[in-house]
Amino acid sequence: MTRKNRKVTIPVSIGYGLTDIMGGGAFTVIGAWLLFFYTTFVGLSPIEAASIVAVARIVDAIVSLFMGSFTDHFYKNYLGKKFGRRRFFLLIGAPLMLVYILLWLNGMNFWFYLSVYLAFEIIAAMVLIPWETLPSEMTKDFTDRTKLSTCRMFLSASGTFLATFIPGLLIGWLGENNADAYLINGVVFAIMFTVCVFISWKVTWERELTPEMLAEMEKERQPMTAGEKLAAFGNLFKEYASTLKVRAFRKHLTIYLFSFTAKDVYNTVFVFFCVYCLNVSSSLAGTLLSMSIVGLPVTLAAGVAIIKYGPSRLYVFSYSLMLLCLGGFFLVYQFPTDNKVVLLVVIAGVYQVGRCILEFTPWNVFPFIPDIDEMITRQRREGLFAAVMTFSRKTTVAIATFAVGLLLQSGGFVKGSQTQPQEAITTIAMLLFVGTAGLLIIALWQALTFHLNKRTHKIFVDEIERLKADGLKQDVTPEARHIVEDLTGYSYDSLWCQSAPERAKPIEPTSILS
C-alpha cells in the first residue's frame, strides 16, 4: 500500500515509533527480569534459563536473516500488493503479541518456556525487521528521517522506563516472593504491545514501486529446478555478505553490536548485582533500572544533537558517561556507606543518560546506510541491511546471555537461594564491571572514526542524484569524491557502474573493523 505526497508529521512519527515500546520494552523486561524469574521462582538453573534465551535467539536470528530479503520481494504477491511488502507483517503481528503473556506463567517446564520464548522472538522479528525499514520507505529527507527516529527512540525510552518501573511497582505491591507480579506485568505489556503495533500499521506508508520492480512483477515466473533453488539459496548468503563491503555499515555494525551487548550484560546482571552484591531488594533494583525515565528528555535533546554534532560525538559522550558510572558503582560496591541508596539512585540516573544515547544513535544512523549502498549496487536493499543487523544482534545477545548464565553457574551460583557464596558474588561483580566496560571500550574505539553525519550524508545523496540525472563522473568535486570513497570504502571511479557489484573495487581489503 503506497501513498504519494504524504508528509512526515509529528503525529505520524509518534504513530510509527509506538512499535518500539514493544521493541524497547519487551526485551528490557526480558533482559532485566527473565533470568531472575526463571532461577528464583521457576526453579531453573542459571545455565538452563540462559540457554532458553540463547537457543531461541539463535534460531530467531536465522529466521531474521531471511525475513529482510523476504520482505524486499514480498510486493510480488497478492498480500504484498494489497497491504504493503513491509506493513502487512505489522498487521498480522499485532494480535500475536499476546504470546508474551505465556513467558511469565509459573510452574511450567523447560521445554514450555523454550517453545514460548522461541515463538515470541520470531513474532517480534516478523514485526520489527520490516518496521525498521519504514523510515527509508517513507522519506529520503535527513530531517524527516531523524524526526521519525527521534520519536521512535523517545517511545523506546518510554517503553524501557515502563519495563523497569512497572515490574518494580508490582513486586513492591505484591511482595518480593510473589510470582504473580511477573504474570500481571506480562498481561499489561502484551496488551500494550498489541495496540502499539496496530497503530504503527495504521499510520505508516511505503514508497512507490520502482519501474524495475513493476517490470519484475510482469515477468512470468518459471519453475525452478533443485539446482537453481540451491544456487538461489547460495546467492542470498552472498547478498548478506555483500553488506559488509560497505565501510560505513561495517563500522556502524561494530559499534552497534559491541555497545548493545555491553548494555545487555549490564541489564542481565544488574538485578543479581543489587540483590546479592549490594544486599538491597529486587524492588529497589527495579527502581534503579526505572531511572531510565531520564531517557525521555534526553532522547529529545539527542534528536537535536545528532543533527548539530553528528553520531560520532554522541557515541563518545554516551560511552564515556557509562564507563564513568560503572566506576561509581564499583566504588559503592567496594566502599559501602550509609548513603548507599542515594548514591545508587544518582549513579543509576546518570548511567541511564548514557544508555539512552547509546540506544538512540545507531537506529538514527541506520536509515542512511542503504543510501550509501545504492552508490555501490544501484539497488535499494533496506530489508537486507535490517536483516543483517537483526541477525548479528540476536546472535551476539544469545552468546552473551548464555555466557552470563554459564559463568554464573560455574561461579557457584545457587538457584532459588536468598544468599550466595562469595565466589558467586565476585563473579556477578566481575561480569558487571569487566564485561560491560570492555565491550564499551571497543565500541568507543570504532566510534572515533565514524564519519557519517548530516553534512556528509547530504553531499553523498546529492552526488547520487547528480549521477541519476546523467551527470558525468569526471565532474565530481574533490570533497564529494572523498566523502563517497570514505563512506563506501570503494574507489569513486569504480562506483555507479552498470554492473556495480562486480566492477566496484574496494580502496583497501575489506575488514569488519576497518
Protein backbone atom coordinates (compact mmCIF):
# COMPACT_ATOMS: atom_id res chain seq x y z
CA MET A 1 0.00 0.00 0.00
CA THR A 2 1.90 3.01 -1.26
CA ARG A 3 0.82 6.61 -0.79
CA LYS A 4 2.11 9.64 -2.64
CA ASN A 5 2.78 13.06 -1.17
CA ARG A 6 2.35 12.04 2.46
CA LYS A 7 4.11 14.28 4.99
CA VAL A 8 6.09 13.04 7.96
CA THR A 9 4.33 14.97 10.72
CA ILE A 10 4.87 14.62 14.47
CA PRO A 11 1.65 12.55 14.91
CA VAL A 12 2.78 10.24 12.08
CA SER A 13 6.23 9.97 13.65
CA ILE A 14 4.70 9.11 17.02
CA GLY A 15 2.43 6.50 15.43
CA TYR A 16 5.41 4.95 13.66
CA GLY A 17 7.51 4.97 16.82
CA LEU A 18 4.93 3.26 19.03
CA THR A 19 6.14 -0.17 17.90
CA ASP A 20 9.42 0.46 19.71
CA ILE A 21 7.53 0.43 23.01
CA MET A 22 7.44 -3.27 22.21
CA GLY A 23 10.99 -3.35 20.82
CA GLY A 24 12.42 -1.46 23.78
CA GLY A 25 10.01 -2.60 26.47
CA ALA A 26 9.70 -6.35 25.85
CA PHE A 27 13.39 -7.03 25.65
CA THR A 28 14.21 -4.72 28.55
CA VAL A 29 11.85 -6.74 30.76
CA ILE A 30 13.32 -9.96 29.40
CA GLY A 31 16.90 -8.78 29.82
CA ALA A 32 16.41 -7.44 33.33
CA TRP A 33 13.96 -9.93 34.87
CA LEU A 34 13.63 -13.18 32.90
CA LEU A 35 16.77 -14.94 34.17
CA PHE A 36 16.00 -13.76 37.72
CA PHE A 37 12.38 -15.01 37.42
CA TYR A 38 13.41 -18.39 36.00
CA THR A 39 16.16 -19.03 38.57
CA THR A 40 14.29 -17.64 41.60
CA PHE A 41 10.66 -18.74 41.05
CA VAL A 42 10.51 -21.36 38.29
CA GLY A 43 13.46 -23.31 39.67
CA LEU A 44 15.63 -23.47 36.56
CA SER A 45 19.39 -23.41 36.90
CA PRO A 46 21.29 -20.36 35.52
CA ILE A 47 22.52 -22.34 32.53
CA GLU A 48 19.01 -23.70 31.78
CA ALA A 49 17.50 -20.22 31.99
CA ALA A 50 20.25 -18.68 29.85
CA SER A 51 20.05 -21.48 27.29
CA ILE A 52 16.34 -20.72 26.73
CA VAL A 53 17.27 -17.20 25.65
CA ALA A 54 20.36 -18.31 23.74
CA VAL A 55 18.77 -21.17 21.77
CA ALA A 56 15.64 -19.18 20.92
CA ARG A 57 17.61 -16.17 19.75
CA ILE A 58 19.99 -18.23 17.61
CA VAL A 59 17.01 -19.86 15.85
CA ASP A 60 15.30 -16.49 15.63
CA ALA A 61 18.47 -14.92 14.23
CA ILE A 62 18.45 -17.41 11.35
CA VAL A 63 14.77 -16.68 10.68
CA SER A 64 15.51 -12.95 10.83
CA LEU A 65 18.25 -13.33 8.26
CA PHE A 66 15.71 -14.47 5.67
CA MET A 67 13.00 -12.08 6.79
CA GLY A 68 14.68 -8.99 5.34
CA SER A 69 15.09 -10.44 1.86
CA PHE A 70 11.59 -11.94 2.07
CA THR A 71 10.02 -8.51 2.72
CA ASP A 72 12.18 -6.91 0.00
CA HIS A 73 10.43 -9.18 -2.53
CA PHE A 74 7.02 -9.50 -0.85
CA TYR A 75 5.49 -6.90 -3.22
CA LYS A 76 5.33 -9.59 -5.93
CA ASN A 77 2.38 -11.47 -4.40
CA TYR A 78 -1.23 -10.57 -3.68
CA LEU A 79 -0.87 -9.80 0.03
CA GLY A 80 2.16 -7.61 -0.57
CA LYS A 81 0.34 -5.68 -3.29
CA LYS A 82 -2.74 -5.16 -1.12
CA PHE A 83 -1.23 -4.46 2.31
CA GLY A 84 2.39 -3.47 1.55
CA ARG A 85 5.55 -5.53 1.47
CA ARG A 86 6.56 -4.24 4.95
CA ARG A 87 3.32 -3.18 6.65
CA PHE A 88 1.50 -6.47 6.12
CA PHE A 89 3.66 -8.03 8.84
CA LEU A 90 2.69 -5.35 11.35
CA LEU A 91 -0.97 -6.08 10.68
CA ILE A 92 -0.71 -9.82 11.39
CA GLY A 93 1.89 -9.37 14.14
CA ALA A 94 -0.26 -7.10 16.33
CA PRO A 95 -2.59 -9.78 17.79
CA LEU A 96 0.27 -12.28 18.06
CA MET A 97 1.92 -10.02 20.67
CA LEU A 98 -0.36 -11.70 23.24
CA VAL A 99 2.01 -14.70 23.21
CA TYR A 100 4.19 -12.57 25.52
CA ILE A 101 1.89 -13.43 28.45
CA LEU A 102 2.89 -17.09 28.33
CA LEU A 103 6.53 -16.26 29.12
CA TRP A 104 5.57 -15.39 32.71
CA LEU A 105 3.44 -18.40 33.68
CA ASN A 106 4.85 -20.15 36.74
CA GLY A 107 5.15 -23.91 37.23
CA MET A 108 5.87 -24.96 33.63
CA ASN A 109 8.85 -26.99 32.43
CA PHE A 110 11.97 -26.08 30.50
CA TRP A 111 10.54 -27.10 27.10
CA PHE A 112 7.41 -24.99 27.57
CA TYR A 113 9.43 -21.86 28.31
CA LEU A 114 11.80 -22.55 25.42
CA SER A 115 8.91 -23.03 22.95
CA VAL A 116 7.06 -19.91 24.05
CA TYR A 117 10.16 -17.73 24.06
CA LEU A 118 11.13 -19.01 20.62
CA ALA A 119 7.63 -18.18 19.32
CA PHE A 120 7.74 -14.66 20.76
CA GLU A 121 11.20 -13.94 19.34
CA ILE A 122 10.09 -15.00 15.84
CA ILE A 123 6.89 -12.92 16.07
CA ALA A 124 8.91 -9.90 17.22
CA ALA A 125 11.36 -10.31 14.34
CA MET A 126 8.49 -10.65 11.88
CA VAL A 127 7.27 -7.24 13.07
CA LEU A 128 10.49 -5.37 13.79
CA ILE A 129 12.52 -6.13 10.65
CA PRO A 130 10.01 -4.73 8.13
CA TRP A 131 9.08 -1.94 10.58
CA GLU A 132 12.73 -0.81 10.85
CA THR A 133 12.86 -0.20 7.08
CA LEU A 134 9.88 2.19 7.07
CA PRO A 135 11.83 5.48 7.58
CA SER A 136 13.73 4.70 4.37
CA GLU A 137 10.42 3.86 2.67
CA MET A 138 8.53 6.93 3.87
CA THR A 139 11.05 9.71 3.07
CA LYS A 140 14.54 10.46 1.75
CA ASP A 141 14.96 13.64 3.80
CA PHE A 142 17.58 13.54 6.63
CA THR A 143 15.48 15.76 8.91
CA ASP A 144 12.27 13.79 8.34
CA ARG A 145 14.07 10.51 8.97
CA THR A 146 15.59 11.98 12.11
CA LYS A 147 12.09 13.08 13.19
CA LEU A 148 10.84 9.50 12.75
CA SER A 149 13.83 8.01 14.53
CA THR A 150 13.71 10.55 17.35
CA CYS A 151 10.04 9.80 18.04
CA ARG A 152 10.86 6.11 17.80
CA MET A 153 13.66 6.37 20.34
CA PHE A 154 11.61 8.63 22.64
CA LEU A 155 8.92 5.95 22.71
CA SER A 156 11.55 3.23 23.08
CA ALA A 157 12.85 5.11 26.12
CA SER A 158 9.26 5.27 27.38
CA GLY A 159 8.98 1.52 26.90
CA THR A 160 12.29 0.97 28.69
CA PHE A 161 11.10 3.08 31.63
CA LEU A 162 7.76 1.27 31.86
CA ALA A 163 9.54 -2.09 31.54
CA THR A 164 11.58 -1.32 34.65
CA PHE A 165 9.14 0.83 36.64
CA ILE A 166 6.01 -1.36 36.40
CA PRO A 167 7.71 -4.65 37.47
CA GLY A 168 9.36 -2.88 40.43
CA LEU A 169 5.99 -1.36 41.40
CA LEU A 170 4.21 -4.73 41.18
CA ILE A 171 6.95 -6.51 43.14
CA GLY A 172 6.78 -3.85 45.86
CA TRP A 173 2.98 -4.10 45.94
CA LEU A 174 2.53 -7.90 45.79
CA GLY A 175 5.71 -8.85 47.66
CA GLU A 176 9.28 -9.90 46.83
CA ASN A 177 8.36 -13.60 46.77
CA ASN A 178 5.14 -13.44 44.74
CA ALA A 179 5.48 -14.78 41.18
CA ASP A 180 2.08 -13.30 40.23
CA ALA A 181 3.72 -9.89 39.95
CA TYR A 182 5.58 -11.10 36.87
CA LEU A 183 2.46 -12.61 35.26
CA ILE A 184 0.40 -9.44 35.77
CA ASN A 185 3.26 -7.46 34.29
CA GLY A 186 3.23 -9.77 31.25
CA VAL A 187 -0.53 -9.27 30.69
CA VAL A 188 -0.25 -5.46 30.90
CA PHE A 189 2.62 -5.30 28.43
CA ALA A 190 1.18 -7.83 25.96
CA ILE A 191 -2.00 -5.74 25.57
CA MET A 192 0.07 -2.56 25.24
CA PHE A 193 2.28 -4.14 22.53
CA THR A 194 -0.76 -5.27 20.53
CA VAL A 195 -2.25 -1.76 20.45
CA CYS A 196 1.08 -0.09 19.61
CA VAL A 197 1.92 -2.33 16.65
CA PHE A 198 -1.58 -1.91 15.22
CA ILE A 199 -1.32 1.90 15.38
CA SER A 200 2.05 1.80 13.60
CA TRP A 201 0.47 -0.25 10.83
CA LYS A 202 -2.36 2.26 10.54
CA VAL A 203 -0.33 5.49 10.17
CA THR A 204 2.67 4.45 8.03
CA TRP A 205 3.14 4.03 4.27
CA GLU A 206 5.66 2.72 1.74
CA ARG A 207 7.42 4.19 -1.25
CA GLU A 208 6.00 3.73 -4.73
CA LEU A 209 7.29 0.68 -6.60
CA THR A 210 10.15 1.48 -8.95
CA PRO A 211 9.90 0.77 -12.71
CA GLU A 212 12.34 -2.13 -12.19
CA MET A 213 10.06 -3.65 -9.52
CA LEU A 214 7.00 -3.26 -11.73
CA ALA A 215 8.82 -4.87 -14.66
CA GLU A 216 9.86 -7.78 -12.47
CA MET A 217 6.26 -8.29 -11.37
CA GLU A 218 5.22 -8.60 -15.02
CA LYS A 219 7.68 -11.39 -15.69
CA GLU A 220 6.20 -14.84 -15.92
CA ARG A 221 7.59 -17.00 -13.16
CA GLN A 222 9.28 -20.14 -14.39
CA PRO A 223 9.51 -23.27 -12.22
CA MET A 224 12.97 -23.65 -10.67
CA THR A 225 14.97 -26.87 -10.62
CA ALA A 226 16.53 -28.14 -7.40
CA GLY A 227 19.92 -26.91 -8.62
CA GLU A 228 18.55 -23.44 -9.34
CA LYS A 229 16.93 -23.29 -5.90
CA LEU A 230 20.23 -24.28 -4.29
CA ALA A 231 22.06 -21.62 -6.33
CA ALA A 232 19.47 -19.00 -5.33
CA PHE A 233 19.93 -20.01 -1.69
CA GLY A 234 23.69 -19.55 -2.02
CA ASN A 235 23.23 -16.20 -3.75
CA LEU A 236 21.12 -15.00 -0.84
CA PHE A 237 24.02 -15.54 1.53
CA LYS A 238 26.30 -13.73 -0.90
CA GLU A 239 23.91 -10.79 -0.76
CA TYR A 240 24.06 -10.75 3.03
CA ALA A 241 27.85 -10.91 2.95
CA SER A 242 27.93 -8.07 0.41
CA THR A 243 26.51 -5.67 3.00
CA LEU A 244 29.82 -5.90 4.87
CA LYS A 245 31.61 -4.44 1.84
CA VAL A 246 30.12 -1.04 2.73
CA ARG A 247 32.68 0.58 5.02
CA ALA A 248 30.19 2.79 6.87
CA PHE A 249 28.00 -0.25 7.57
CA ARG A 250 30.94 -2.28 8.90
CA LYS A 251 31.75 0.45 11.38
CA HIS A 252 28.09 1.02 12.21
CA LEU A 253 27.54 -2.70 12.83
CA THR A 254 30.61 -3.00 15.04
CA ILE A 255 29.59 0.00 17.15
CA TYR A 256 26.02 -1.29 17.39
CA LEU A 257 26.87 -4.85 18.37
CA PHE A 258 29.52 -4.10 20.99
CA SER A 259 27.62 -1.24 22.64
CA PHE A 260 24.27 -3.05 22.73
CA THR A 261 25.87 -6.25 24.02
CA ALA A 262 27.50 -4.19 26.78
CA LYS A 263 24.04 -2.86 27.67
CA ASP A 264 22.64 -6.41 27.65
CA VAL A 265 25.32 -7.69 30.02
CA TYR A 266 24.59 -4.80 32.37
CA ASN A 267 20.80 -5.36 32.28
CA THR A 268 21.11 -9.13 32.75
CA VAL A 269 23.47 -8.91 35.71
CA PHE A 270 22.20 -5.74 37.42
CA VAL A 271 19.33 -7.28 39.47
CA PHE A 272 21.67 -10.06 40.62
CA PHE A 273 24.28 -7.40 41.48
CA CYS A 274 21.83 -5.38 43.57
CA VAL A 275 20.34 -8.34 45.43
CA TYR A 276 23.49 -10.38 46.09
CA CYS A 277 26.41 -7.93 45.92
CA LEU A 278 24.83 -4.78 47.39
CA ASN A 279 22.28 -6.59 49.60
CA VAL A 280 19.33 -4.44 48.54
CA SER A 281 15.86 -5.61 47.46
CA SER A 282 14.84 -6.58 43.94
CA SER A 283 12.18 -3.84 44.06
CA LEU A 284 14.95 -1.27 44.66
CA ALA A 285 16.82 -2.80 41.72
CA GLY A 286 13.69 -2.18 39.66
CA THR A 287 13.59 1.41 40.91
CA LEU A 288 17.22 1.93 39.90
CA LEU A 289 16.54 0.49 36.45
CA SER A 290 13.47 2.70 36.16
CA MET A 291 15.74 5.73 36.31
CA SER A 292 15.59 5.18 32.56
CA ILE A 293 12.80 7.79 32.75
CA VAL A 294 15.58 10.37 32.27
CA GLY A 295 15.77 8.96 28.73
CA LEU A 296 12.59 10.79 27.75
CA PRO A 297 14.01 14.35 27.75
CA VAL A 298 17.46 13.05 26.80
CA THR A 299 16.04 11.48 23.63
CA LEU A 300 14.57 14.81 22.54
CA ALA A 301 17.88 16.56 23.20
CA ALA A 302 19.74 13.81 21.33
CA GLY A 303 17.48 14.35 18.31
CA VAL A 304 18.76 17.92 18.10
CA ALA A 305 22.35 16.99 18.96
CA ILE A 306 22.68 14.31 16.26
CA ILE A 307 21.82 16.88 13.59
CA LYS A 308 24.18 19.50 15.04
CA TYR A 309 27.12 17.35 16.15
CA GLY A 310 26.74 14.04 14.29
CA PRO A 311 26.64 10.43 15.56
CA SER A 312 30.35 10.11 16.38
CA ARG A 313 30.31 12.74 19.12
CA LEU A 314 27.14 11.31 20.63
CA TYR A 315 28.76 7.87 20.76
CA VAL A 316 31.84 9.21 22.54
CA PHE A 317 29.75 11.15 25.06
CA SER A 318 27.47 8.17 25.75
CA TYR A 319 30.17 5.55 26.25
CA SER A 320 32.38 7.84 28.35
CA LEU A 321 29.45 8.63 30.67
CA MET A 322 28.55 4.94 31.08
CA LEU A 323 32.16 3.99 31.85
CA LEU A 324 32.29 6.73 34.47
CA CYS A 325 29.12 5.41 36.11
CA LEU A 326 30.45 1.85 36.16
CA GLY A 327 33.38 3.25 38.13
CA GLY A 328 30.86 4.83 40.52
CA PHE A 329 29.04 1.52 41.05
CA PHE A 330 32.39 -0.15 41.71
CA LEU A 331 33.23 2.38 44.44
CA VAL A 332 29.83 1.86 46.12
CA TYR A 333 30.41 -1.91 45.98
CA GLN A 334 33.90 -1.66 47.45
CA PHE A 335 33.18 1.07 50.00
CA PRO A 336 29.55 0.81 51.23
CA THR A 337 28.22 3.81 53.17
CA ASP A 338 25.06 4.84 54.98
CA ASN A 339 24.12 6.93 51.94
CA LYS A 340 24.37 3.93 49.63
CA VAL A 341 20.80 4.14 48.29
CA VAL A 342 21.06 7.85 47.47
CA LEU A 343 24.38 7.30 45.68
CA LEU A 344 22.93 4.39 43.73
CA VAL A 345 19.94 6.45 42.57
CA VAL A 346 22.21 9.29 41.39
CA ILE A 347 24.66 7.00 39.58
CA ALA A 348 21.84 4.95 38.04
CA GLY A 349 20.20 8.14 36.75
CA VAL A 350 23.39 9.40 35.14
CA TYR A 351 24.07 5.95 33.66
CA GLN A 352 20.64 6.00 32.00
CA VAL A 353 21.54 9.25 30.20
CA GLY A 354 24.42 7.44 28.52
CA ARG A 355 22.36 4.31 27.94
CA CYS A 356 19.60 6.30 26.26
CA ILE A 357 22.03 7.93 23.81
CA LEU A 358 23.63 4.53 23.18
CA GLU A 359 20.25 3.15 22.05
CA PHE A 360 19.17 6.31 20.25
CA THR A 361 22.13 6.81 17.93
CA PRO A 362 22.53 3.57 15.90
CA TRP A 363 18.89 3.45 14.80
CA ASN A 364 19.07 7.09 13.76
CA VAL A 365 22.09 6.21 11.62
CA PHE A 366 20.61 3.04 10.08
CA PRO A 367 18.14 4.66 7.59
CA PHE A 368 21.08 6.35 5.83
CA ILE A 369 23.13 3.18 5.29
CA PRO A 370 21.05 1.97 2.27
CA ASP A 371 21.77 5.30 0.56
CA ILE A 372 25.48 4.52 0.72
CA ASP A 373 24.87 1.00 -0.55
CA GLU A 374 22.92 2.40 -3.51
CA MET A 375 26.10 4.07 -4.80
CA ILE A 376 27.77 0.64 -4.92
CA THR A 377 24.93 -1.62 -6.06
CA ARG A 378 22.41 0.78 -7.64
CA GLN A 379 19.76 -1.09 -5.64
CA ARG A 380 17.57 -0.34 -2.62
CA ARG A 381 18.23 -3.10 -0.07
CA GLU A 382 16.82 -1.76 3.20
CA GLY A 383 15.39 -5.14 4.20
CA LEU A 384 18.71 -6.86 3.62
CA PHE A 385 20.57 -4.47 5.92
CA ALA A 386 17.85 -4.67 8.59
CA ALA A 387 18.07 -8.47 8.47
CA VAL A 388 21.87 -8.47 8.84
CA MET A 389 21.66 -6.09 11.79
CA THR A 390 18.93 -8.14 13.46
CA PHE A 391 20.72 -11.44 12.80
CA SER A 392 24.00 -10.10 14.16
CA ARG A 393 22.35 -8.52 17.18
CA LYS A 394 20.37 -11.60 18.13
CA THR A 395 23.37 -13.86 17.66
CA THR A 396 25.58 -11.75 19.90
CA VAL A 397 22.93 -11.30 22.59
CA ALA A 398 22.34 -15.06 22.57
CA ILE A 399 26.04 -15.70 23.05
CA ALA A 400 26.30 -13.02 25.74
CA THR A 401 23.24 -14.28 27.66
CA PHE A 402 24.44 -17.87 27.55
CA ALA A 403 27.92 -16.78 28.63
CA VAL A 404 26.44 -14.92 31.62
CA GLY A 405 24.43 -17.99 32.64
CA LEU A 406 27.43 -20.28 32.19
CA LEU A 407 29.72 -18.00 34.21
CA LEU A 408 27.11 -17.63 36.97
CA GLN A 409 26.75 -21.39 37.28
CA SER A 410 30.49 -22.06 37.09
CA GLY A 411 30.96 -19.26 39.64
CA GLY A 412 28.92 -21.21 42.19
CA PHE A 413 25.52 -19.52 41.90
CA VAL A 414 22.86 -21.46 43.85
CA LYS A 415 19.41 -21.38 42.21
CA GLY A 416 16.47 -20.39 44.43
CA SER A 417 18.73 -19.32 47.32
CA GLN A 418 18.38 -15.93 49.06
CA THR A 419 22.12 -15.86 49.77
CA GLN A 420 25.06 -16.74 47.54
CA PRO A 421 28.64 -17.88 48.21
CA GLN A 422 31.41 -15.29 47.93
CA GLU A 423 32.66 -16.86 44.70
CA ALA A 424 29.28 -16.26 43.04
CA ILE A 425 29.14 -12.67 44.34
CA THR A 426 32.60 -11.96 42.89
CA THR A 427 31.56 -13.48 39.56
CA ILE A 428 28.48 -11.24 39.39
CA ALA A 429 30.56 -8.14 40.12
CA MET A 430 33.19 -9.05 37.51
CA LEU A 431 30.52 -9.62 34.87
CA LEU A 432 29.02 -6.20 35.54
CA PHE A 433 32.25 -4.22 35.65
CA VAL A 434 34.72 -6.01 33.38
CA GLY A 435 32.21 -7.39 30.87
CA THR A 436 30.25 -4.18 30.34
CA ALA A 437 33.28 -1.85 30.35
CA GLY A 438 35.34 -4.00 27.97
CA LEU A 439 32.61 -4.07 25.33
CA LEU A 440 32.00 -0.32 25.63
CA ILE A 441 35.69 0.44 25.10
CA ILE A 442 35.71 -1.49 21.80
CA ALA A 443 32.60 0.40 20.62
CA LEU A 444 34.24 3.70 21.61
CA TRP A 445 37.34 2.86 19.56
CA GLN A 446 35.24 2.43 16.40
CA ALA A 447 33.06 5.48 17.08
CA LEU A 448 36.08 7.79 16.95
CA THR A 449 36.47 7.19 13.18
CA PHE A 450 32.81 7.14 12.12
CA HIS A 451 32.22 9.97 9.62
CA LEU A 452 28.55 9.68 8.58
CA ASN A 453 26.59 12.79 9.65
CA LYS A 454 24.06 15.25 8.25
CA ARG A 455 26.62 17.20 6.18
CA THR A 456 28.39 14.17 4.67
CA HIS A 457 25.09 12.41 4.00
CA LYS A 458 23.70 15.42 2.10
CA ILE A 459 26.82 15.67 -0.05
CA PHE A 460 26.64 11.90 -0.67
CA VAL A 461 22.93 11.88 -1.63
CA ASP A 462 23.36 14.97 -3.82
CA GLU A 463 26.09 13.12 -5.71
CA ILE A 464 23.80 10.13 -6.26
CA GLU A 465 21.04 12.40 -7.56
CA ARG A 466 23.55 14.14 -9.87
CA LEU A 467 24.60 10.77 -11.30
CA LYS A 468 20.96 9.68 -11.66
CA ALA A 469 20.40 12.82 -13.73
CA ASP A 470 23.14 11.60 -16.14
CA GLY A 471 25.83 13.81 -14.61
CA LEU A 472 29.38 12.99 -15.68
CA LYS A 473 31.55 11.19 -13.15
CA GLN A 474 34.56 13.32 -14.07
CA ASP A 475 32.66 16.41 -12.87
CA VAL A 476 32.62 15.23 -9.24
CA THR A 477 34.02 17.73 -6.74
CA PRO A 478 37.08 16.70 -4.68
CA GLU A 479 35.04 16.88 -1.46
CA ALA A 480 32.25 14.68 -2.84
CA ARG A 481 34.80 12.16 -4.15
CA HIS A 482 36.50 11.98 -0.76
CA ILE A 483 33.22 11.53 1.15
CA VAL A 484 31.92 8.88 -1.25
CA GLU A 485 35.15 6.91 -1.01
CA ASP A 486 35.33 7.26 2.77
CA LEU A 487 31.76 6.05 3.38
CA THR A 488 31.67 3.29 0.76
CA GLY A 489 35.25 2.05 1.07
CA TYR A 490 35.49 1.93 -2.74
CA SER A 491 37.35 3.91 -5.36
CA TYR A 492 34.99 6.54 -6.78
CA ASP A 493 35.86 5.66 -10.38
CA SER A 494 34.64 2.08 -9.89
CA LEU A 495 31.24 3.13 -8.47
CA TRP A 496 27.88 3.76 -10.19
CA CYS A 497 28.56 1.27 -12.98
CA GLN A 498 26.03 -0.83 -14.88
CA SER A 499 27.19 -3.93 -13.00
CA ALA A 500 28.36 -2.12 -9.88
CA PRO A 501 28.62 -5.09 -7.51
CA GLU A 502 31.08 -6.85 -9.80
CA ARG A 503 33.04 -3.88 -11.09
CA ALA A 504 33.41 -1.73 -7.98
CA LYS A 505 36.84 -2.04 -6.40
CA PRO A 506 37.48 -1.50 -2.69
CA ILE A 507 40.13 1.06 -1.80
CA GLU A 508 41.59 -1.41 0.68
CA PRO A 509 40.92 -5.02 1.74
CA THR A 510 37.60 -5.24 3.48
CA SER A 511 37.65 -5.91 7.19
CA ILE A 512 34.84 -5.96 9.66
CA LEU A 513 36.64 -3.36 11.73
CA SER A 514 38.24 -1.20 9.05
